[in-house]
């Protein structure tokens, strides 16, 4: 089976008061559908992976740089599917590197990653910020396909996310799947959908943070969400059995946080069109 090496590099710049896709380079099976320019001056970008799935030996990389005073949202047109690695093939690797310059906002809000039985994947995210830049992003992970006779994932997954601000590490997430966590109280508790949302902001006060988490639970009608706040960061987690439930909670979080002008200055929070289908 043929393995793919795919990479895409994007840059946005503020031109005549609006964010524009100023540079695009790609190699292999990664593309941009086309940029969509919003009334608030932001730019929505849709990434496409034409093969429709990642197999053993595939390696994909995404590089993005938002130059000063830009407002960029990047999403994907469909869920990313990671298939079983056939015998002898290397692991699947995905690397994503985002740089957000002064006064800019990047939203990284892709569709879910589905890891089928036998997938062996390494996923690395790095976000580099300046003093006055902001990031809002999430990852939704589906381990295996839950059915009447099969509930859990058999494979390997290592995922890490780091946020660096002014050359200083301010946050690091690391997840490595182990079968022992499937039903354990400290692990997955029999669930197979995990979600992680990160927003960087110095403006989320303690009382506002508590209201946000409570509002999400009330609107979605479940207790599968939990939040953590530390200086300059808001973290929202999901552990459950429904991708749609996770997405709805994250959509609510985004809508509430966009209403806070101190957090998302200059952005009206318009939903990407693809989410309406």
Protein backbone atom coordinates (compact mmCIF):
# COMPACT_ATOMS: atom_id res chain seq x y z
CA UNK A 1 0.00 0.00 0.00
CA UNK A 2 1.29 3.44 -0.92
CA UNK A 3 2.13 5.88 1.88
CA UNK A 4 1.60 9.61 1.54
CA UNK A 5 3.75 12.53 2.64
CA UNK A 6 1.63 15.65 2.74
CA UNK A 7 2.37 19.16 3.94
CA UNK A 8 0.69 22.55 3.72
CA UNK A 9 1.95 25.97 4.76
CA UNK A 10 -0.38 28.96 5.12
CA UNK A 11 0.05 32.60 6.08
CA UNK A 12 -2.52 35.32 6.63
CA UNK A 13 -1.99 39.07 6.60
CA UNK A 14 -4.17 42.09 7.22
CA UNK A 15 -4.79 43.82 3.90
CA UNK A 16 -7.04 46.88 3.61
CA UNK A 17 -8.61 46.18 6.98
CA UNK A 18 -9.39 42.49 6.42
CA UNK A 19 -7.54 39.22 6.95
CA UNK A 20 -6.43 37.59 3.71
CA UNK A 21 -4.71 34.33 2.84
CA UNK A 22 -1.39 35.78 1.68
CA UNK A 23 0.70 32.66 1.15
CA UNK A 24 -0.14 29.05 0.36
CA UNK A 25 2.29 26.22 -0.35
CA UNK A 26 1.41 22.54 -0.39
CA UNK A 27 2.87 19.18 -1.27
CA UNK A 28 0.96 15.92 -1.49
CA UNK A 29 -2.63 15.34 -0.38
CA UNK A 30 -3.43 18.48 1.60
CA UNK A 31 -5.37 21.35 0.09
CA UNK A 32 -7.40 24.45 0.89
CA UNK A 33 -10.93 24.50 -0.48
CA UNK A 34 -10.83 28.29 -0.64
CA UNK A 35 -10.77 31.10 1.92
CA UNK A 36 -14.10 32.59 2.99
CA UNK A 37 -13.95 36.27 3.96
CA UNK A 38 -16.33 37.33 6.73
CA UNK A 39 -18.13 40.62 7.36
CA UNK A 40 -16.13 41.18 10.56
CA UNK A 41 -12.86 41.14 8.61
CA UNK A 42 -11.87 37.61 9.62
CA UNK A 43 -10.94 34.80 7.24
CA UNK A 44 -12.30 31.24 7.45
CA UNK A 45 -10.11 28.54 5.86
CA UNK A 46 -11.20 24.96 5.11
CA UNK A 47 -8.54 22.27 4.93
CA UNK A 48 -9.18 19.24 2.71
CA UNK A 49 -7.45 15.85 2.73
CA UNK A 50 -8.60 14.27 -0.58
CA UNK A 51 -7.61 10.64 0.22
CA UNK A 52 -10.16 10.72 3.04
CA UNK A 53 -8.07 8.77 5.53
CA UNK A 54 -4.60 8.19 6.95
CA UNK A 55 -2.93 4.76 6.63
CA UNK A 56 0.28 3.26 7.96
CA UNK A 57 3.35 5.24 6.98
CA UNK A 58 1.46 8.43 6.15
CA UNK A 59 2.96 11.68 7.42
CA UNK A 60 1.05 14.96 7.36
CA UNK A 61 2.17 18.40 8.50
CA UNK A 62 0.36 21.73 8.77
CA UNK A 63 2.18 25.03 9.25
CA UNK A 64 0.36 28.30 9.84
CA UNK A 65 1.46 31.85 10.61
CA UNK A 66 -0.97 34.65 11.36
CA UNK A 67 0.80 37.97 10.91
CA UNK A 68 0.02 41.05 13.00
CA UNK A 69 -3.62 42.06 13.55
CA UNK A 70 -5.06 39.08 11.66
CA UNK A 71 -8.17 37.11 12.60
CA UNK A 72 -8.13 33.56 11.19
CA UNK A 73 -10.30 30.50 11.67
CA UNK A 74 -9.14 27.12 10.31
CA UNK A 75 -11.40 24.09 10.20
CA UNK A 76 -11.64 20.84 8.22
CA UNK A 77 -14.28 19.75 5.75
CA UNK A 78 -14.75 16.30 7.29
CA UNK A 79 -13.61 14.02 10.10
CA UNK A 80 -10.06 12.69 9.83
CA UNK A 81 -9.93 8.88 9.77
CA UNK A 82 -6.88 6.93 10.89
CA UNK A 83 -6.97 3.34 9.65
CA UNK A 84 -5.21 0.21 10.84
CA UNK A 85 -1.48 0.05 10.17
CA UNK A 86 -0.70 -3.03 8.13
CA UNK A 87 2.17 -5.25 9.21
CA UNK A 88 5.58 -3.71 8.65
CA UNK A 89 4.35 -0.17 7.92
CA UNK A 90 5.61 2.74 10.07
CA UNK A 91 3.29 4.63 12.40
CA UNK A 92 1.08 7.46 11.17
CA UNK A 93 2.41 10.91 12.02
CA UNK A 94 0.67 14.28 12.10
CA UNK A 95 2.47 17.50 13.01
CA UNK A 96 0.74 20.87 13.34
CA UNK A 97 2.66 24.08 14.00
CA UNK A 98 0.86 27.41 14.54
CA UNK A 99 2.41 30.85 15.01
CA UNK A 100 0.24 33.80 16.01
CA UNK A 101 1.81 37.25 15.93
CA UNK A 102 1.03 40.41 17.89
CA UNK A 103 -2.61 41.44 18.02
CA UNK A 104 -3.82 38.34 16.14
CA UNK A 105 -6.33 35.60 16.82
CA UNK A 106 -6.22 32.03 15.54
CA UNK A 107 -9.11 29.62 15.93
CA UNK A 108 -8.19 26.00 15.19
CA UNK A 109 -11.51 24.13 15.22
CA UNK A 110 -11.28 20.96 13.08
CA UNK A 111 -13.75 18.11 12.82
CA UNK A 112 -13.09 15.02 14.92
CA UNK A 113 -10.23 12.52 14.56
CA UNK A 114 -11.46 8.91 14.35
CA UNK A 115 -8.90 6.24 15.22
CA UNK A 116 -9.90 2.78 13.99
CA UNK A 117 -8.68 -0.43 15.57
CA UNK A 118 -5.04 -1.04 14.72
CA UNK A 119 -4.18 2.59 14.11
CA UNK A 120 -0.76 3.63 15.43
CA UNK A 121 -0.57 7.40 15.48
CA UNK A 122 1.62 10.18 16.79
CA UNK A 123 -0.04 13.62 16.83
CA UNK A 124 1.91 16.76 17.77
CA UNK A 125 0.59 20.33 18.10
CA UNK A 126 2.70 23.40 18.83
CA UNK A 127 1.26 26.89 19.29
CA UNK A 128 3.65 29.86 19.45
CA UNK A 129 2.22 33.15 20.75
CA UNK A 130 3.37 36.68 21.43
CA UNK A 131 2.24 38.93 24.29
CA UNK A 132 -0.83 40.24 22.50
CA UNK A 133 -1.93 37.24 20.43
CA UNK A 134 -4.72 34.80 21.18
CA UNK A 135 -5.56 31.18 20.44
CA UNK A 136 -8.83 29.26 20.63
CA UNK A 137 -8.74 25.63 19.61
CA UNK A 138 -9.96 22.11 20.18
CA UNK A 139 -9.32 18.47 19.40
CA UNK A 140 -12.00 15.77 19.43
CA UNK A 141 -10.76 12.17 19.59
CA UNK A 142 -12.82 9.06 18.84
CA UNK A 143 -11.18 5.79 19.89
CA UNK A 144 -12.52 2.92 17.79
CA UNK A 145 -16.08 2.45 16.60
CA UNK A 146 -18.37 1.53 19.45
CA UNK A 147 -20.84 -1.23 18.57
CA UNK A 148 -22.87 -4.00 20.18
CA UNK A 149 -19.97 -6.43 20.24
CA UNK A 150 -16.99 -4.09 20.40
CA UNK A 151 -16.50 -1.13 22.69
CA UNK A 152 -12.84 -0.29 22.90
CA UNK A 153 -9.88 0.75 20.82
CA UNK A 154 -6.95 -1.55 20.06
CA UNK A 155 -3.99 0.39 18.79
CA UNK A 156 -1.56 3.11 19.81
CA UNK A 157 -2.07 6.85 20.14
CA UNK A 158 0.31 9.48 21.45
CA UNK A 159 -0.83 13.09 21.39
CA UNK A 160 0.86 16.23 22.69
CA UNK A 161 0.05 19.94 22.63
CA UNK A 162 2.42 22.68 23.71
CA UNK A 163 1.84 26.41 23.95
CA UNK A 164 4.86 28.70 23.98
CA UNK A 165 4.51 32.41 24.71
CA UNK A 166 7.48 34.73 24.29
CA UNK A 167 9.79 31.69 24.18
CA UNK A 168 8.43 30.38 27.48
CA UNK A 169 6.44 27.16 27.81
CA UNK A 170 3.05 28.03 29.35
CA UNK A 171 1.11 24.82 28.74
CA UNK A 172 1.65 21.20 27.79
CA UNK A 173 -0.89 18.42 27.30
CA UNK A 174 0.13 14.82 26.77
CA UNK A 175 -2.02 11.75 26.19
CA UNK A 176 -0.85 8.20 25.55
CA UNK A 177 -3.40 5.44 25.19
CA UNK A 178 -3.09 2.27 27.22
CA UNK A 179 -5.63 -0.59 27.34
CA UNK A 180 -5.53 -0.41 31.14
CA UNK A 181 -7.35 2.95 31.02
CA UNK A 182 -10.39 1.64 29.11
CA UNK A 183 -12.61 0.92 32.11
CA UNK A 184 -10.58 2.39 34.97
CA UNK A 185 -11.99 5.18 37.14
CA UNK A 186 -8.84 7.24 36.53
CA UNK A 187 -8.97 6.66 32.77
CA UNK A 188 -11.70 6.47 30.13
CA UNK A 189 -14.38 4.95 32.39
CA UNK A 190 -15.79 2.95 29.49
CA UNK A 191 -16.06 6.03 27.24
CA UNK A 192 -14.51 6.41 23.80
CA UNK A 193 -14.91 10.10 22.88
CA UNK A 194 -12.47 12.66 24.32
CA UNK A 195 -12.50 16.40 23.71
CA UNK A 196 -10.08 19.11 24.73
CA UNK A 197 -10.69 22.84 24.24
CA UNK A 198 -8.05 25.47 24.99
CA UNK A 199 -8.53 29.24 25.00
CA UNK A 200 -5.75 31.66 25.88
CA UNK A 201 -6.90 34.81 27.58
CA UNK A 202 -6.00 36.85 30.62
CA UNK A 203 -9.59 38.08 30.83
CA UNK A 204 -11.47 35.03 32.12
CA UNK A 205 -12.23 35.87 35.74
CA UNK A 206 -13.01 33.18 38.30
CA UNK A 207 -16.74 33.95 38.50
CA UNK A 208 -17.02 34.12 34.70
CA UNK A 209 -15.23 30.78 34.41
CA UNK A 210 -17.68 29.08 36.77
CA UNK A 211 -20.67 30.52 34.92
CA UNK A 212 -19.30 29.35 31.58
CA UNK A 213 -18.87 25.73 32.66
CA UNK A 214 -22.29 25.70 34.34
CA UNK A 215 -23.95 27.22 31.25
CA UNK A 216 -22.46 24.54 29.00
CA UNK A 217 -23.63 21.69 31.23
CA UNK A 218 -27.12 23.19 31.52
CA UNK A 219 -27.56 23.87 27.81
CA UNK A 220 -26.25 20.46 26.70
CA UNK A 221 -27.97 18.62 29.56
CA UNK A 222 -25.08 16.41 30.66
CA UNK A 223 -22.21 16.28 33.16
CA UNK A 224 -19.58 15.03 30.70
CA UNK A 225 -17.78 18.40 30.66
CA UNK A 226 -15.26 19.74 33.13
CA UNK A 227 -13.19 22.90 33.18
CA UNK A 228 -9.83 24.05 34.49
CA UNK A 229 -8.53 27.58 34.72
CA UNK A 230 -5.00 28.75 35.21
CA UNK A 231 -3.35 32.09 34.55
CA UNK A 232 -4.02 33.07 30.96
CA UNK A 233 -5.63 29.74 30.00
CA UNK A 234 -9.08 28.21 29.99
CA UNK A 235 -9.32 24.42 29.50
CA UNK A 236 -12.57 22.58 28.82
CA UNK A 237 -12.60 18.76 28.73
CA UNK A 238 -15.15 16.24 27.53
CA UNK A 239 -15.28 12.52 28.27
CA UNK A 240 -18.31 10.70 26.94
CA UNK A 241 -19.78 8.60 24.17
CA UNK A 242 -21.14 11.16 21.67
CA UNK A 243 -19.21 13.24 19.17
CA UNK A 244 -22.26 15.44 18.59
CA UNK A 245 -22.65 16.07 22.32
CA UNK A 246 -19.01 17.10 22.55
CA UNK A 247 -19.34 19.40 19.53
CA UNK A 248 -22.47 21.04 20.90
CA UNK A 249 -20.71 21.80 24.16
CA UNK A 250 -17.71 23.26 22.37
CA UNK A 251 -19.98 25.32 20.10
CA UNK A 252 -21.71 26.73 23.19
CA UNK A 253 -18.33 27.56 24.74
CA UNK A 254 -17.25 29.36 21.58
CA UNK A 255 -20.47 31.35 21.35
CA UNK A 256 -20.33 32.44 25.00
CA UNK A 257 -16.67 33.37 24.82
CA UNK A 258 -17.14 35.34 21.60
CA UNK A 259 -19.72 37.46 23.38
CA UNK A 260 -16.95 38.70 25.65
CA UNK A 261 -15.38 41.54 23.68
CA UNK A 262 -12.38 41.60 25.98
CA UNK A 263 -11.63 38.01 25.01
CA UNK A 264 -12.28 38.10 21.26
CA UNK A 265 -11.91 41.79 20.40
CA UNK A 266 -12.99 42.58 16.88
CA UNK A 267 -14.63 39.22 16.09
CA UNK A 268 -18.38 38.66 15.98
CA UNK A 269 -18.13 34.88 16.40
CA UNK A 270 -19.80 33.96 13.10
CA UNK A 271 -20.11 30.19 12.75
CA UNK A 272 -18.22 28.56 9.88
CA UNK A 273 -20.70 27.78 7.11
CA UNK A 274 -19.71 24.13 7.01
CA UNK A 275 -21.06 23.65 10.56
CA UNK A 276 -24.57 24.34 9.27
CA UNK A 277 -24.68 21.14 7.22
